[in-house]
Amino acid sequence: MLRIGITGGIGSGKSIASRLFHALGTPIYDADTRARWVMENDPELRQQLAAAFGPNTYDENGRINRPMLAGTVFNTPALLAQLNGLVHPQVGLDFERWAAAQQQAGFRYVLKEAALLFEAGSYKQLDRIITVFAPLAVRATRVLRRDPHRSAADVKSIMAKQLSEEEKMQRADYILTNDDVHPLLPQVLTLHNTFSAPLQPH
């Protein structure tokens, strides 16, 4: 079974591309959603996060206080590195368990959707990488339309902390262009057919 990563900068449309793959029957591991689950359900990790970032890391219902945590670490590289160092290894283990179950179920390939696939090092668990590309101006417009609470400066700051599009594309095995000009579905179908083909013996 092939393990395929799909990534892209904020506003690139990687989640839309993932939904198209999912509609074709592909299992999708959403790293952001699963990270939240692991942070809330792994007792050891909960203890570590509360010790590192304070008692307000979780709310009264035991849910992760994302706004507080994001505000604490976003502009402090050392704290962000500390958070990632605690969370990413546990998400990696969670993905391994999930992928093993999909292989047992007989799927030819799965997708792991993650914004920080390269930055977090999780690309090392994967066989191929897809990068979803869109020009900066298109991405910024999408994010501001989707998230009206964000300012243009917020979006620019987020983009500055992510790997550049050029580097993502250089490191990817496949590129999906989602620029509102080239239709996305035919590109996804082509890759789906490629990944679904029987693996050739070496």
C-alpha atoms as a PDB file:
ATOM      1  CA  MET A   1       0.000   0.000   0.000  1.00  0.00           C
ATOM      2  CA  LEU A   2       1.268   3.434  -0.939  1.00  0.00           C
ATOM      3  CA  ARG A   3       1.314   6.183   1.668  1.00  0.00           C
ATOM      4  CA  ILE A   4       0.856   9.518  -0.077  1.00  0.00           C
ATOM      5  CA  GLY A   5       1.263  12.896   1.591  1.00  0.00           C
ATOM      6  CA  ILE A   6      -0.679  15.929   0.397  1.00  0.00           C
ATOM      7  CA  THR A   7       0.386  19.403   1.456  1.00  0.00           C
ATOM      8  CA  GLY A   8       0.228  23.030   0.391  1.00  0.00           C
ATOM      9  CA  GLY A   9       0.378  26.495   1.896  1.00  0.00           C
ATOM     10  CA  ILE A  10      -2.586  28.148   3.567  1.00  0.00           C
ATOM     11  CA  GLY A  11      -5.263  28.875   0.968  1.00  0.00           C
ATOM     12  CA  SER A  12      -3.809  26.512  -1.628  1.00  0.00           C
ATOM     13  CA  GLY A  13      -6.847  24.242  -1.506  1.00  0.00           C
ATOM     14  CA  LYS A  14      -5.253  21.042  -0.235  1.00  0.00           C
ATOM     15  CA  SER A  15      -8.403  20.223   1.756  1.00  0.00           C
ATOM     16  CA  ILE A  16     -10.531  20.560  -1.390  1.00  0.00           C
ATOM     17  CA  ALA A  17      -8.141  18.250  -3.243  1.00  0.00           C
ATOM     18  CA  SER A  18      -8.300  15.787  -0.334  1.00  0.00           C
ATOM     19  CA  ARG A  19     -12.109  15.822  -0.446  1.00  0.00           C
ATOM     20  CA  LEU A  20     -11.991  14.929  -4.138  1.00  0.00           C
ATOM     21  CA  PHE A  21      -9.699  11.980  -3.392  1.00  0.00           C
ATOM     22  CA  HIS A  22     -12.039  10.963  -0.561  1.00  0.00           C
ATOM     23  CA  ALA A  23     -15.028  11.095  -2.921  1.00  0.00           C
ATOM     24  CA  LEU A  24     -13.154   8.568  -5.086  1.00  0.00           C
ATOM     25  CA  GLY A  25     -12.973   6.210  -2.109  1.00  0.00           C
ATOM     26  CA  THR A  26      -9.525   7.071  -0.756  1.00  0.00           C
ATOM     27  CA  PRO A  27      -8.995   6.997   3.036  1.00  0.00           C
ATOM     28  CA  ILE A  28      -7.774  10.393   4.256  1.00  0.00           C
ATOM     29  CA  TYR A  29      -5.758  11.035   7.422  1.00  0.00           C
ATOM     30  CA  ASP A  30      -6.292  14.695   8.381  1.00  0.00           C
ATOM     31  CA  ALA A  31      -3.209  15.444  10.475  1.00  0.00           C
ATOM     32  CA  ASP A  32      -4.645  18.647  11.967  1.00  0.00           C
ATOM     33  CA  THR A  33      -7.855  16.966  13.166  1.00  0.00           C
ATOM     34  CA  ARG A  34      -5.990  13.926  14.456  1.00  0.00           C
ATOM     35  CA  ALA A  35      -3.422  16.120  16.250  1.00  0.00           C
ATOM     36  CA  ARG A  36      -6.277  17.741  18.156  1.00  0.00           C
ATOM     37  CA  TRP A  37      -7.685  14.286  19.000  1.00  0.00           C
ATOM     38  CA  VAL A  38      -4.323  13.003  20.209  1.00  0.00           C
ATOM     39  CA  MET A  39      -3.743  16.142  22.304  1.00  0.00           C
ATOM     40  CA  GLU A  40      -7.090  15.592  24.014  1.00  0.00           C
ATOM     41  CA  ASN A  41      -7.001  11.801  24.381  1.00  0.00           C
ATOM     42  CA  ASP A  42      -3.388  10.818  25.110  1.00  0.00           C
ATOM     43  CA  PRO A  43      -3.039  11.061  28.941  1.00  0.00           C
ATOM     44  CA  GLU A  44       0.756  11.341  28.896  1.00  0.00           C
ATOM     45  CA  LEU A  45       0.713  14.047  26.233  1.00  0.00           C
ATOM     46  CA  ARG A  46      -1.975  15.966  28.138  1.00  0.00           C
ATOM     47  CA  GLN A  47       0.258  15.995  31.212  1.00  0.00           C
ATOM     48  CA  GLN A  48       3.272  17.128  29.205  1.00  0.00           C
ATOM     49  CA  LEU A  49       1.370  19.956  27.487  1.00  0.00           C
ATOM     50  CA  ALA A  50      -0.201  21.209  30.706  1.00  0.00           C
ATOM     51  CA  ALA A  51       3.210  21.150  32.410  1.00  0.00           C
ATOM     52  CA  ALA A  52       4.838  23.017  29.513  1.00  0.00           C
ATOM     53  CA  PHE A  53       2.158  25.608  28.740  1.00  0.00           C
ATOM     54  CA  GLY A  54       0.148  25.961  31.942  1.00  0.00           C
ATOM     55  CA  PRO A  55      -3.205  24.845  33.371  1.00  0.00           C
ATOM     56  CA  ASN A  56      -5.190  26.848  30.786  1.00  0.00           C
ATOM     57  CA  THR A  57      -3.933  24.549  28.019  1.00  0.00           C
ATOM     58  CA  TYR A  58      -7.244  22.674  28.419  1.00  0.00           C
ATOM     59  CA  ASP A  59     -10.700  24.126  29.103  1.00  0.00           C
ATOM     60  CA  GLU A  60     -13.149  22.917  31.752  1.00  0.00           C
ATOM     61  CA  ASN A  61     -14.452  20.251  29.350  1.00  0.00           C
ATOM     62  CA  GLY A  62     -10.960  18.838  28.819  1.00  0.00           C
ATOM     63  CA  ARG A  63     -10.690  20.234  25.293  1.00  0.00           C
ATOM     64  CA  ILE A  64      -7.525  21.821  23.992  1.00  0.00           C
ATOM     65  CA  ASN A  65      -7.594  25.620  24.293  1.00  0.00           C
ATOM     66  CA  ARG A  66      -6.365  26.288  20.786  1.00  0.00           C
ATOM     67  CA  PRO A  67      -6.644  30.110  20.791  1.00  0.00           C
ATOM     68  CA  MET A  68      -4.606  30.335  24.007  1.00  0.00           C
ATOM     69  CA  LEU A  69      -2.031  27.819  22.835  1.00  0.00           C
ATOM     70  CA  ALA A  70      -1.694  29.444  19.406  1.00  0.00           C
ATOM     71  CA  GLY A  71      -1.335  32.882  20.980  1.00  0.00           C
ATOM     72  CA  THR A  72       1.363  31.555  23.300  1.00  0.00           C
ATOM     73  CA  VAL A  73       3.566  29.863  20.712  1.00  0.00           C
ATOM     74  CA  PHE A  74       2.882  31.585  17.385  1.00  0.00           C
ATOM     75  CA  ASN A  75       5.483  34.336  17.656  1.00  0.00           C
ATOM     76  CA  THR A  76       7.936  32.470  19.887  1.00  0.00           C
ATOM     77  CA  PRO A  77       9.953  29.968  17.822  1.00  0.00           C
ATOM     78  CA  ALA A  78      11.364  28.158  20.877  1.00  0.00           C
ATOM     79  CA  LEU A  79       7.884  27.526  22.329  1.00  0.00           C
ATOM     80  CA  LEU A  80       6.521  26.478  18.931  1.00  0.00           C
ATOM     81  CA  ALA A  81       9.406  24.026  18.557  1.00  0.00           C
ATOM     82  CA  GLN A  82       8.682  22.694  22.057  1.00  0.00           C
ATOM     83  CA  LEU A  83       4.987  22.193  21.210  1.00  0.00           C
ATOM     84  CA  ASN A  84       5.785  20.471  17.916  1.00  0.00           C
ATOM     85  CA  GLY A  85       8.406  18.311  19.604  1.00  0.00           C
ATOM     86  CA  LEU A  86       5.747  16.968  21.975  1.00  0.00           C
ATOM     87  CA  VAL A  87       2.842  16.609  19.537  1.00  0.00           C
ATOM     88  CA  HIS A  88       4.332  15.515  16.203  1.00  0.00           C
ATOM     89  CA  PRO A  89       5.865  12.208  17.388  1.00  0.00           C
ATOM     90  CA  GLN A  90       2.524  11.146  18.889  1.00  0.00           C
ATOM     91  CA  VAL A  91       0.663  12.070  15.708  1.00  0.00           C
ATOM     92  CA  GLY A  92       3.244  10.027  13.786  1.00  0.00           C
ATOM     93  CA  LEU A  93       2.445   6.970  15.935  1.00  0.00           C
ATOM     94  CA  ASP A  94      -1.280   7.574  15.481  1.00  0.00           C
ATOM     95  CA  PHE A  95      -0.792   7.686  11.697  1.00  0.00           C
ATOM     96  CA  GLU A  96       1.168   4.417  11.750  1.00  0.00           C
ATOM     97  CA  ARG A  97      -1.678   2.655  13.554  1.00  0.00           C
ATOM     98  CA  TRP A  98      -4.265   4.153  11.181  1.00  0.00           C
ATOM     99  CA  ALA A  99      -2.255   3.256   8.059  1.00  0.00           C
ATOM    100  CA  ALA A 100      -1.814  -0.337   9.248  1.00  0.00           C
ATOM    101  CA  ALA A 101      -5.600  -0.635   9.605  1.00  0.00           C
ATOM    102  CA  GLN A 102      -6.157   0.717   6.073  1.00  0.00           C
ATOM    103  CA  GLN A 103      -3.612  -1.734   4.674  1.00  0.00           C
ATOM    104  CA  GLN A 104      -5.392  -4.559   6.478  1.00  0.00           C
ATOM    105  CA  ALA A 105      -8.627  -3.377   4.837  1.00  0.00           C
ATOM    106  CA  GLY A 106      -7.028  -3.788   1.419  1.00  0.00           C
ATOM    107  CA  PHE A 107      -6.663  -0.209   0.173  1.00  0.00           C
ATOM    108  CA  ARG A 108      -4.029   0.358  -2.520  1.00  0.00           C
ATOM    109  CA  TYR A 109      -3.148   3.826  -1.216  1.00  0.00           C
ATOM    110  CA  VAL A 110      -3.995   6.337   1.505  1.00  0.00           C
ATOM    111  CA  LEU A 111      -3.523  10.094   1.798  1.00  0.00           C
ATOM    112  CA  LYS A 112      -2.104  12.021   4.739  1.00  0.00           C
ATOM    113  CA  GLU A 113      -3.177  15.670   4.577  1.00  0.00           C
ATOM    114  CA  ALA A 114      -0.856  18.006   6.501  1.00  0.00           C
ATOM    115  CA  ALA A 115       0.076  21.660   6.160  1.00  0.00           C
ATOM    116  CA  LEU A 116       3.486  21.088   7.765  1.00  0.00           C
ATOM    117  CA  LEU A 117       4.423  17.811   6.093  1.00  0.00           C
ATOM    118  CA  PHE A 118       8.008  18.872   5.392  1.00  0.00           C
ATOM    119  CA  GLU A 119       8.438  21.161   8.390  1.00  0.00           C
ATOM    120  CA  ALA A 120       7.330  18.449  10.853  1.00  0.00           C
ATOM    121  CA  GLY A 121       9.459  15.760   9.218  1.00  0.00           C
ATOM    122  CA  SER A 122       6.435  13.489   8.701  1.00  0.00           C
ATOM    123  CA  TYR A 123       7.208  13.214   4.986  1.00  0.00           C
ATOM    124  CA  LYS A 124       9.742  10.565   6.041  1.00  0.00           C
ATOM    125  CA  GLN A 125       6.830   8.187   6.772  1.00  0.00           C
ATOM    126  CA  LEU A 126       5.508   8.523   3.227  1.00  0.00           C
ATOM    127  CA  ASP A 127       6.196   7.049  -0.204  1.00  0.00           C
ATOM    128  CA  ARG A 128       5.141  10.019  -2.359  1.00  0.00           C
ATOM    129  CA  ILE A 129       4.289  13.677  -1.821  1.00  0.00           C
ATOM    130  CA  ILE A 130       1.686  15.829  -3.588  1.00  0.00           C
ATOM    131  CA  THR A 131       1.906  19.612  -3.315  1.00  0.00           C
ATOM    132  CA  VAL A 132      -1.177  21.688  -4.099  1.00  0.00           C
ATOM    133  CA  PHE A 133      -0.058  24.944  -5.713  1.00  0.00           C
ATOM    134  CA  ALA A 134      -1.856  28.266  -6.042  1.00  0.00           C
ATOM    135  CA  PRO A 135      -0.359  31.743  -6.584  1.00  0.00           C
ATOM    136  CA  LEU A 136       0.136  33.862  -3.459  1.00  0.00           C
ATOM    137  CA  ALA A 137      -2.493  36.452  -4.421  1.00  0.00           C
ATOM    138  CA  VAL A 138      -5.106  33.742  -5.030  1.00  0.00           C
ATOM    139  CA  ARG A 139      -4.293  32.071  -1.713  1.00  0.00           C
ATOM    140  CA  ALA A 140      -4.506  35.338   0.231  1.00  0.00           C
ATOM    141  CA  THR A 141      -7.883  36.194  -1.330  1.00  0.00           C
ATOM    142  CA  ARG A 142      -9.262  32.743  -0.469  1.00  0.00           C
ATOM    143  CA  VAL A 143      -8.131  32.907   3.156  1.00  0.00           C
ATOM    144  CA  LEU A 144      -9.528  36.408   3.719  1.00  0.00           C
ATOM    145  CA  ARG A 145     -12.854  35.323   2.187  1.00  0.00           C
ATOM    146  CA  ARG A 146     -12.918  32.094   4.240  1.00  0.00           C
ATOM    147  CA  ASP A 147     -11.672  33.596   7.533  1.00  0.00           C
ATOM    148  CA  PRO A 148     -13.109  37.133   7.834  1.00  0.00           C
ATOM    149  CA  HIS A 149     -11.605  37.457  11.327  1.00  0.00           C
ATOM    150  CA  ARG A 150      -8.095  37.416   9.824  1.00  0.00           C
ATOM    151  CA  SER A 151      -6.374  40.512   8.470  1.00  0.00           C
ATOM    152  CA  ALA A 152      -4.112  40.655   5.425  1.00  0.00           C
ATOM    153  CA  ALA A 153      -1.185  41.049   7.838  1.00  0.00           C
ATOM    154  CA  ASP A 154      -2.258  37.864   9.685  1.00  0.00           C
ATOM    155  CA  VAL A 155      -2.299  35.899   6.444  1.00  0.00           C
ATOM    156  CA  LYS A 156       1.065  37.272   5.391  1.00  0.00           C
ATOM    157  CA  SER A 157       2.538  36.303   8.774  1.00  0.00           C
ATOM    158  CA  ILE A 158       1.198  32.738   8.507  1.00  0.00           C
ATOM    159  CA  MET A 159       2.556  32.368   4.967  1.00  0.00           C
ATOM    160  CA  ALA A 160       5.971  33.644   6.070  1.00  0.00           C
ATOM    161  CA  LYS A 161       6.198  30.833   8.642  1.00  0.00           C
ATOM    162  CA  GLN A 162       5.443  28.109   6.079  1.00  0.00           C
ATOM    163  CA  LEU A 163       7.868  26.629   3.595  1.00  0.00           C
ATOM    164  CA  SER A 164       7.858  28.561   0.307  1.00  0.00           C
ATOM    165  CA  GLU A 165       5.765  27.256  -2.588  1.00  0.00           C
ATOM    166  CA  GLU A 166       8.926  26.894  -4.655  1.00  0.00           C
ATOM    167  CA  GLU A 167      10.575  24.623  -2.105  1.00  0.00           C
ATOM    168  CA  LYS A 168       7.408  22.564  -1.593  1.00  0.00           C
ATOM    169  CA  MET A 169       7.141  22.025  -5.336  1.00  0.00           C
ATOM    170  CA  GLN A 170      10.814  21.096  -5.666  1.00  0.00           C
ATOM    171  CA  ARG A 171      10.448  18.477  -2.946  1.00  0.00           C
ATOM    172  CA  ALA A 172       7.147  17.054  -4.193  1.00  0.00           C
ATOM    173  CA  ASP A 173       6.694  14.073  -6.499  1.00  0.00           C
ATOM    174  CA  TYR A 174       3.451  15.471  -7.943  1.00  0.00           C
ATOM    175  CA  ILE A 175       1.947  18.963  -8.222  1.00  0.00           C
ATOM    176  CA  LEU A 176      -1.754  19.801  -8.383  1.00  0.00           C
ATOM    177  CA  THR A 177      -2.392  23.296  -9.738  1.00  0.00           C
ATOM    178  CA  ASN A 178      -5.402  24.889  -8.057  1.00  0.00           C
ATOM    179  CA  ASP A 179      -5.266  28.433  -9.437  1.00  0.00           C
ATOM    180  CA  ASP A 180      -8.949  28.853 -10.426  1.00  0.00           C
ATOM    181  CA  VAL A 181      -7.858  28.431 -14.064  1.00  0.00           C
ATOM    182  CA  HIS A 182      -6.860  24.756 -14.367  1.00  0.00           C
ATOM    183  CA  PRO A 183      -9.694  22.370 -13.324  1.00  0.00           C
ATOM    184  CA  LEU A 184      -8.656  20.377 -10.266  1.00  0.00           C
ATOM    185  CA  LEU A 185     -10.788  17.249 -10.713  1.00  0.00           C
ATOM    186  CA  PRO A 186      -9.080  15.905 -13.880  1.00  0.00           C
ATOM    187  CA  GLN A 187      -5.679  16.299 -12.185  1.00  0.00           C
ATOM    188  CA  VAL A 188      -6.913  14.387  -9.119  1.00  0.00           C
ATOM    189  CA  LEU A 189      -8.414  11.647 -11.312  1.00  0.00           C
ATOM    190  CA  THR A 190      -5.099  11.171 -13.111  1.00  0.00           C
ATOM    191  CA  LEU A 191      -3.231  10.702  -9.828  1.00  0.00           C
ATOM    192  CA  HIS A 192      -5.964   8.481  -8.395  1.00  0.00           C
ATOM    193  CA  ASN A 193      -5.689   6.177 -11.400  1.00  0.00           C
ATOM    194  CA  THR A 194      -1.891   6.138 -11.074  1.00  0.00           C
ATOM    195  CA  PHE A 195      -1.963   5.262  -7.369  1.00  0.00           C
ATOM    196  CA  SER A 196      -4.756   2.693  -7.797  1.00  0.00           C
ATOM    197  CA  ALA A 197      -2.868   0.670 -10.398  1.00  0.00           C
ATOM    198  CA  PRO A 198      -1.401  -2.622  -9.145  1.00  0.00           C
ATOM    199  CA  LEU A 199       2.094  -2.188  -7.791  1.00  0.00           C
ATOM    200  CA  GLN A 200       4.701  -3.420 -10.239  1.00  0.00           C
ATOM    201  CA  PRO A 201       7.319  -5.878  -8.935  1.00  0.00           C
ATOM    202  CA  HIS A 202      10.910  -4.620  -9.118  1.00  0.00           C
END
